[in-house]
Amino acid sequence: MNIWAGSAIIFFFVLLLTLLFGKIGLPLLKSRGMGQRVREEGPQTHFIKSGTPTMGGLFFLLPVALTALAGPFLFGEAFRPFVALTLVMLLFGIVGFLDDYIKVKIKKQGLSVGQKTMLLGLASILFVVYYLWFAPVEPFLLLPFSLRVVPVTGWFKVIYGVLVVVYLFYVSNSVNITDGLDGLLSTLTIIFCLFVALYLAAAGVSPETNGHVWYSVALAAGSMGFLFYNRFPAKVMMGDTGSQALGAGIAGICLIAGVPWILLITGFIFIFEGLSVVIQVFYFRRTGGKRIFRMAPIHHHFELGGWPEQKIVRMFSLVAVLLGLLGWLFIWPF
């Protein structure tokens, strides 16, 4: 099927199903008392959000999963990367779901750092083994500016595999951290994934390009449908169920399409959200309690500086669009 026709079908299918699942799922989450617990160390203005239903990531995860099940019958072999990426996304989503459920029903802390690290690490390793040794298309890197394809072969696969585990783990957690304001992660994901879909369609260097583009479009559509419920003031939070899964999906599409470096440009906000926490913790420990940011991750720094949530989301979105335009300089040789 034509890449653009397929994109349109997938976009509206996932968007409409997400809206429908939100309509059905929101009352169910409320009736089962699945309200989030706000972190005491977070901004005090967030305490009003305590009790807001969480686990809303299911609203878009289920439509993406249904698309992965139905897609091969309509799109054929071109849909294989979509299915593979959905599986890794669901693995990370399951870990996030366990964390959310424990936070709501058992203990406020959720999974311990060790437990979550072990589970996410295992999910990352499973993806890497498939991606490097069992995927139908050999892994490759697309060099910026030139569109030159560099195959990942031989012993380099082992070295690259270790780097990919770290990459997937870091990106998934950085995207998870970004989900701290109403509508922020949803909006940034829409912008990032639509730009990535355009990049990959324009480059067209892989035999599985269509599948890559369709997956990016599906993530954008799911995030757009979820934004209807998550925009300020949010009726539901995606929780780790959604944010951990989105992080894996974003990292996975960049890896399997051969452009992991694009996150340093178009996805720089995601990267810096996680980096701001690392910088804050390191500086705090080295200086005996001093801070660089008012609060980390970085969106809370602006929030404590007096910016309302809507302004932060608008400004971050504007920066994301500019970064997306900048990404064209690296993905397409003018």
Protein backbone atom coordinates (compact mmCIF):
# COMPACT_ATOMS: atom_id res chain seq x y z
CA MET A 1 0.00 0.00 0.00
CA ASN A 2 1.13 3.57 -0.70
CA ILE A 3 3.01 5.07 2.26
CA TRP A 4 0.74 8.11 2.51
CA ALA A 5 -2.53 6.19 2.16
CA GLY A 6 -1.35 3.75 4.81
CA SER A 7 -0.34 6.62 7.07
CA ALA A 8 -3.77 8.24 6.77
CA ILE A 9 -5.59 4.97 7.54
CA ILE A 10 -3.41 4.22 10.56
CA PHE A 11 -3.54 7.79 11.86
CA PHE A 12 -7.33 8.01 11.93
CA PHE A 13 -7.77 4.42 13.13
CA VAL A 14 -5.49 4.93 16.15
CA LEU A 15 -6.77 8.46 16.83
CA LEU A 16 -10.45 7.48 16.84
CA LEU A 17 -9.85 4.32 18.88
CA THR A 18 -7.85 6.28 21.45
CA LEU A 19 -10.67 8.78 21.82
CA LEU A 20 -13.18 5.92 22.13
CA PHE A 21 -11.09 4.00 24.67
CA GLY A 22 -10.64 7.19 26.67
CA LYS A 23 -14.40 7.74 26.72
CA ILE A 24 -14.93 4.20 27.98
CA GLY A 25 -11.83 3.88 30.13
CA LEU A 26 -11.92 7.14 32.08
CA PRO A 27 -15.08 6.25 34.07
CA LEU A 28 -13.66 2.75 34.69
CA LEU A 29 -10.42 4.14 36.14
CA LYS A 30 -12.42 6.48 38.37
CA SER A 31 -14.78 3.75 39.58
CA ARG A 32 -11.85 1.50 40.49
CA GLY A 33 -10.09 4.23 42.44
CA MET A 34 -7.04 4.33 40.17
CA GLY A 35 -6.06 7.85 41.27
CA GLN A 36 -2.43 8.90 41.22
CA ARG A 37 -0.48 9.88 44.32
CA VAL A 38 1.48 13.09 43.87
CA ARG A 39 5.13 13.01 44.97
CA GLU A 40 5.72 15.00 48.16
CA GLU A 41 9.06 16.26 46.82
CA GLY A 42 7.39 17.72 43.71
CA PRO A 43 5.94 21.23 43.29
CA GLN A 44 3.31 21.99 45.93
CA THR A 45 0.95 23.24 43.23
CA HIS A 46 0.65 19.63 42.04
CA PHE A 47 -1.03 18.42 45.23
CA ILE A 48 -4.36 19.47 43.75
CA LYS A 49 -3.83 16.73 41.13
CA SER A 50 -3.82 14.00 43.75
CA GLY A 51 -6.53 11.50 42.94
CA THR A 52 -6.56 12.24 39.19
CA PRO A 53 -6.99 8.89 37.40
CA THR A 54 -3.75 7.39 36.15
CA MET A 55 -2.80 4.51 33.82
CA GLY A 56 -4.38 6.48 30.96
CA GLY A 57 -1.58 5.24 28.71
CA LEU A 58 -3.82 2.23 28.11
CA PHE A 59 -6.05 4.51 26.03
CA PHE A 60 -3.44 4.64 23.24
CA LEU A 61 -1.48 1.44 23.94
CA LEU A 62 -4.48 -0.75 23.18
CA PRO A 63 -5.23 0.92 19.80
CA VAL A 64 -1.58 0.63 18.77
CA ALA A 65 -1.60 -3.04 19.79
CA LEU A 66 -4.82 -3.66 17.83
CA THR A 67 -3.24 -1.97 14.81
CA ALA A 68 -0.24 -4.27 15.13
CA LEU A 69 -2.57 -7.28 15.12
CA ALA A 70 -4.68 -6.16 12.16
CA GLY A 71 -2.00 -4.42 10.11
CA PRO A 72 -0.25 -7.48 8.61
CA PHE A 73 -3.50 -8.60 6.96
CA LEU A 74 -3.93 -5.22 5.28
CA PHE A 75 -0.35 -4.08 4.69
CA GLY A 76 1.56 -7.36 4.35
CA GLU A 77 5.26 -7.78 5.10
CA ALA A 78 5.85 -4.02 5.14
CA PHE A 79 4.17 -4.04 8.55
CA ARG A 80 6.78 -6.24 10.28
CA PRO A 81 8.72 -3.41 11.99
CA PHE A 82 5.45 -1.99 13.32
CA VAL A 83 4.68 -5.29 15.05
CA ALA A 84 8.20 -5.64 16.50
CA LEU A 85 8.23 -2.08 17.84
CA THR A 86 4.78 -2.52 19.35
CA LEU A 87 5.98 -5.58 21.24
CA VAL A 88 8.91 -3.77 22.85
CA MET A 89 6.64 -0.84 23.61
CA LEU A 90 4.21 -3.18 25.37
CA LEU A 91 7.02 -4.80 27.37
CA PHE A 92 8.02 -1.43 28.78
CA GLY A 93 4.36 -0.54 29.24
CA ILE A 94 3.81 -3.66 31.35
CA VAL A 95 6.66 -2.63 33.66
CA GLY A 96 5.12 0.84 33.90
CA PHE A 97 1.69 -0.69 34.59
CA LEU A 98 3.11 -2.76 37.46
CA ASP A 99 4.74 0.36 38.91
CA ASP A 100 1.50 2.37 38.60
CA TYR A 101 -0.62 -0.38 40.12
CA ILE A 102 1.68 -0.83 43.11
CA LYS A 103 1.76 2.95 43.68
CA VAL A 104 -2.02 3.18 43.69
CA LYS A 105 -3.02 -0.04 45.42
CA ILE A 106 -0.10 -1.26 47.52
CA LYS A 107 2.58 1.29 48.40
CA LYS A 108 3.24 4.86 47.34
CA GLN A 109 6.83 4.19 46.23
CA GLY A 110 5.84 1.64 43.59
CA LEU A 111 8.52 -0.70 42.30
CA SER A 112 11.92 -0.25 43.91
CA VAL A 113 14.70 1.25 41.81
CA GLY A 114 16.37 -2.15 41.66
CA GLN A 115 13.22 -3.98 40.61
CA LYS A 116 12.37 -1.46 37.91
CA THR A 117 15.95 -1.36 36.62
CA MET A 118 16.05 -5.15 36.38
CA LEU A 119 12.74 -5.39 34.52
CA LEU A 120 13.50 -2.55 32.10
CA GLY A 121 17.00 -3.92 31.57
CA LEU A 122 15.57 -7.34 30.70
CA ALA A 123 13.10 -5.76 28.26
CA SER A 124 15.95 -3.79 26.66
CA ILE A 125 18.09 -6.92 26.25
CA LEU A 126 15.20 -8.84 24.64
CA PHE A 127 14.74 -6.03 22.11
CA VAL A 128 18.46 -5.86 21.35
CA VAL A 129 18.74 -9.60 20.75
CA TYR A 130 15.84 -9.46 18.29
CA TYR A 131 16.99 -6.25 16.62
CA LEU A 132 20.60 -7.32 16.08
CA TRP A 133 20.29 -11.07 15.41
CA PHE A 134 16.74 -12.06 14.50
CA ALA A 135 15.16 -9.12 12.65
CA PRO A 136 14.53 -9.82 8.93
CA VAL A 137 16.57 -6.72 7.94
CA GLU A 138 20.18 -6.38 9.07
CA PRO A 139 20.70 -3.49 11.51
CA PHE A 140 22.27 -0.36 10.06
CA LEU A 141 23.16 3.23 10.84
CA LEU A 142 22.18 6.10 8.58
CA LEU A 143 24.93 8.71 8.68
CA PRO A 144 23.80 12.34 9.01
CA PHE A 145 24.09 14.67 6.00
CA SER A 146 25.01 11.92 3.52
CA LEU A 147 22.22 9.29 3.66
CA ARG A 148 25.04 6.74 3.64
CA VAL A 149 24.00 3.39 5.09
CA VAL A 150 26.53 1.68 7.38
CA PRO A 151 25.64 -1.97 8.18
CA VAL A 152 26.13 -3.19 11.74
CA THR A 153 27.86 -6.54 11.34
CA GLY A 154 30.29 -8.96 12.96
CA TRP A 155 31.65 -8.31 16.42
CA PHE A 156 30.53 -4.71 16.20
CA LYS A 157 27.04 -6.05 16.88
CA VAL A 158 28.09 -6.99 20.42
CA ILE A 159 29.58 -3.56 21.14
CA TYR A 160 26.65 -1.80 19.52
CA GLY A 161 24.25 -4.03 21.42
CA VAL A 162 25.63 -2.85 24.77
CA LEU A 163 25.27 0.76 23.63
CA VAL A 164 21.71 0.11 22.47
CA VAL A 165 20.71 -1.31 25.88
CA VAL A 166 22.02 1.85 27.56
CA TYR A 167 20.36 4.03 24.92
CA LEU A 168 16.98 2.35 25.21
CA PHE A 169 17.07 2.42 29.00
CA TYR A 170 18.09 6.09 29.15
CA VAL A 171 15.63 7.33 26.53
CA SER A 172 12.73 5.40 28.01
CA ASN A 173 13.38 6.88 31.44
CA SER A 174 14.00 10.39 30.07
CA VAL A 175 10.67 10.34 28.24
CA ASN A 176 9.07 8.99 31.41
CA ILE A 177 10.52 11.92 33.38
CA THR A 178 9.17 14.39 30.81
CA ASP A 179 5.63 13.40 31.78
CA GLY A 180 5.38 15.92 34.60
CA LEU A 181 2.94 18.56 33.35
CA ASP A 182 -0.53 18.32 31.85
CA GLY A 183 -0.22 17.71 28.12
CA LEU A 184 3.57 18.10 27.96
CA LEU A 185 4.65 14.61 26.95
CA SER A 186 1.65 14.09 24.67
CA THR A 187 2.38 17.31 22.76
CA LEU A 188 6.12 16.70 22.47
CA THR A 189 5.54 13.14 21.26
CA ILE A 190 3.16 14.34 18.53
CA ILE A 191 5.72 16.85 17.27
CA PHE A 192 8.68 14.48 17.46
CA CYS A 193 6.94 11.51 15.82
CA LEU A 194 5.46 13.53 12.95
CA PHE A 195 8.87 14.99 12.15
CA VAL A 196 10.48 11.54 12.31
CA ALA A 197 7.80 10.16 9.98
CA LEU A 198 8.58 12.94 7.48
CA TYR A 199 12.34 12.38 7.81
CA LEU A 200 12.08 8.65 7.16
CA ALA A 201 9.64 9.04 4.28
CA ALA A 202 11.97 11.57 2.64
CA ALA A 203 15.11 9.48 3.19
CA GLY A 204 13.53 6.18 2.12
CA VAL A 205 16.75 4.19 2.47
CA SER A 206 15.35 1.06 4.10
CA PRO A 207 13.18 -1.68 2.57
CA GLU A 208 11.03 -1.32 5.70
CA THR A 209 10.64 2.46 5.47
CA ASN A 210 6.85 2.22 5.17
CA GLY A 211 6.60 0.30 8.43
CA HIS A 212 8.83 2.82 10.19
CA VAL A 213 6.74 5.74 8.99
CA TRP A 214 3.46 4.05 9.91
CA TYR A 215 4.68 3.33 13.43
CA SER A 216 5.75 6.95 13.95
CA VAL A 217 2.35 8.09 12.69
CA ALA A 218 0.58 5.68 15.06
CA LEU A 219 2.46 7.07 18.08
CA ALA A 220 1.60 10.61 17.02
CA ALA A 221 -2.08 9.69 16.56
CA GLY A 222 -2.30 7.92 19.91
CA SER A 223 -0.68 10.87 21.67
CA MET A 224 -3.06 13.27 19.92
CA GLY A 225 -6.09 11.28 21.00
CA PHE A 226 -4.78 11.08 24.56
CA LEU A 227 -4.09 14.82 24.62
CA PHE A 228 -7.86 15.37 24.40
CA TYR A 229 -8.09 13.97 27.95
CA ASN A 230 -4.66 15.04 29.20
CA ARG A 231 -4.58 18.72 28.23
CA PHE A 232 -4.72 21.25 31.07
CA PRO A 233 -6.46 20.67 33.41
CA ALA A 234 -5.86 16.96 32.87
CA LYS A 235 -8.76 14.56 33.35
CA VAL A 236 -6.34 11.61 33.37
CA MET A 237 -2.59 10.96 33.59
CA MET A 238 -0.88 8.46 31.33
CA GLY A 239 1.22 7.19 34.26
CA ASP A 240 4.33 5.08 33.80
CA THR A 241 2.08 2.71 31.85
CA GLY A 242 2.06 5.21 28.99
CA SER A 243 5.24 7.27 29.46
CA GLN A 244 7.56 4.29 29.88
CA ALA A 245 6.00 2.68 26.81
CA LEU A 246 6.25 5.87 24.74
CA GLY A 247 9.90 6.19 25.68
CA ALA A 248 10.57 2.67 24.44
CA GLY A 249 8.59 3.33 21.26
CA ILE A 250 10.45 6.56 20.53
CA ALA A 251 13.84 4.98 21.17
CA GLY A 252 12.90 1.84 19.24
CA ILE A 253 11.85 3.64 16.07
CA CYS A 254 15.05 5.70 16.05
CA LEU A 255 17.16 2.55 16.48
CA ILE A 256 15.43 0.29 13.99
CA ALA A 257 15.32 3.08 11.38
CA GLY A 258 19.07 3.62 11.81
CA VAL A 259 18.89 7.17 13.19
CA PRO A 260 19.50 6.91 16.97
CA TRP A 261 21.38 10.23 16.82
CA ILE A 262 18.24 12.13 15.76
CA LEU A 263 17.14 12.18 19.40
CA LEU A 264 20.10 14.46 20.16
CA ILE A 265 18.60 17.00 17.75
CA THR A 266 14.86 16.69 17.22
CA GLY A 267 14.37 14.93 20.56
CA PHE A 268 16.79 17.09 22.53
CA ILE A 269 14.10 18.11 25.05
CA PHE A 270 13.63 14.46 26.02
CA ILE A 271 17.38 14.00 26.37
CA PHE A 272 17.83 17.14 28.44
CA GLU A 273 14.90 16.31 30.73
CA GLY A 274 16.78 13.21 31.86
CA LEU A 275 20.16 14.95 31.81
CA SER A 276 18.88 17.76 34.03
CA VAL A 277 18.15 15.21 36.76
CA VAL A 278 21.63 13.68 36.42
CA ILE A 279 23.27 17.14 36.57
CA GLN A 280 21.16 18.20 39.56
CA VAL A 281 21.93 15.06 41.58
CA PHE A 282 25.65 15.15 40.74
CA TYR A 283 26.00 18.85 41.59
CA PHE A 284 23.93 18.46 44.78
CA ARG A 285 26.21 15.69 46.05
CA ARG A 286 29.45 17.36 45.00
CA THR A 287 28.59 20.71 46.63
CA GLY A 288 26.93 19.43 49.79
CA GLY A 289 23.41 20.50 48.98
CA LYS A 290 23.61 23.27 46.38
CA ARG A 291 21.40 23.17 43.28
CA ILE A 292 21.80 24.31 39.68
CA PHE A 293 18.08 24.19 38.89
CA ARG A 294 15.26 25.24 41.20
CA MET A 295 13.97 21.70 40.75
CA ALA A 296 14.68 18.87 38.31
CA PRO A 297 13.60 17.72 35.78
CA ILE A 298 13.94 20.98 33.91
CA HIS A 299 10.23 21.70 33.37
CA HIS A 300 9.83 22.05 37.14
CA HIS A 301 12.63 24.67 37.14
CA PHE A 302 10.44 26.92 34.99
CA GLU A 303 7.35 26.03 36.99
CA LEU A 304 8.96 27.16 40.26
CA GLY A 305 10.10 30.30 38.42
CA GLY A 306 6.46 31.31 38.08
CA TRP A 307 5.56 29.95 34.64
CA PRO A 308 2.09 28.35 34.49
CA GLU A 309 1.92 24.84 33.07
CA GLN A 310 0.26 25.99 29.85
CA LYS A 311 3.11 28.44 29.14
CA ILE A 312 5.76 25.78 29.72
CA VAL A 313 3.98 23.39 27.37
CA ARG A 314 3.66 26.10 24.69
CA MET A 315 7.32 27.16 24.95
CA PHE A 316 8.65 23.60 25.01
CA SER A 317 6.45 22.80 22.00
CA LEU A 318 7.81 25.79 20.09
CA VAL A 319 11.37 24.68 20.84
CA ALA A 320 10.44 21.14 19.74
CA VAL A 321 9.17 22.43 16.38
CA LEU A 322 12.36 24.44 15.85
CA LEU A 323 14.44 21.38 16.71
CA GLY A 324 12.35 19.36 14.27
CA LEU A 325 13.11 21.84 11.50
CA LEU A 326 16.79 21.72 12.46
CA GLY A 327 16.70 17.96 12.11
CA TRP A 328 16.08 18.30 8.37
CA LEU A 329 19.64 19.62 7.97
CA PHE A 330 20.98 16.32 9.31
CA ILE A 331 18.63 13.83 7.68
CA TRP A 332 18.43 15.29 4.19
CA PRO A 333 21.49 16.47 2.20
CA PHE A 334 20.46 19.80 0.62
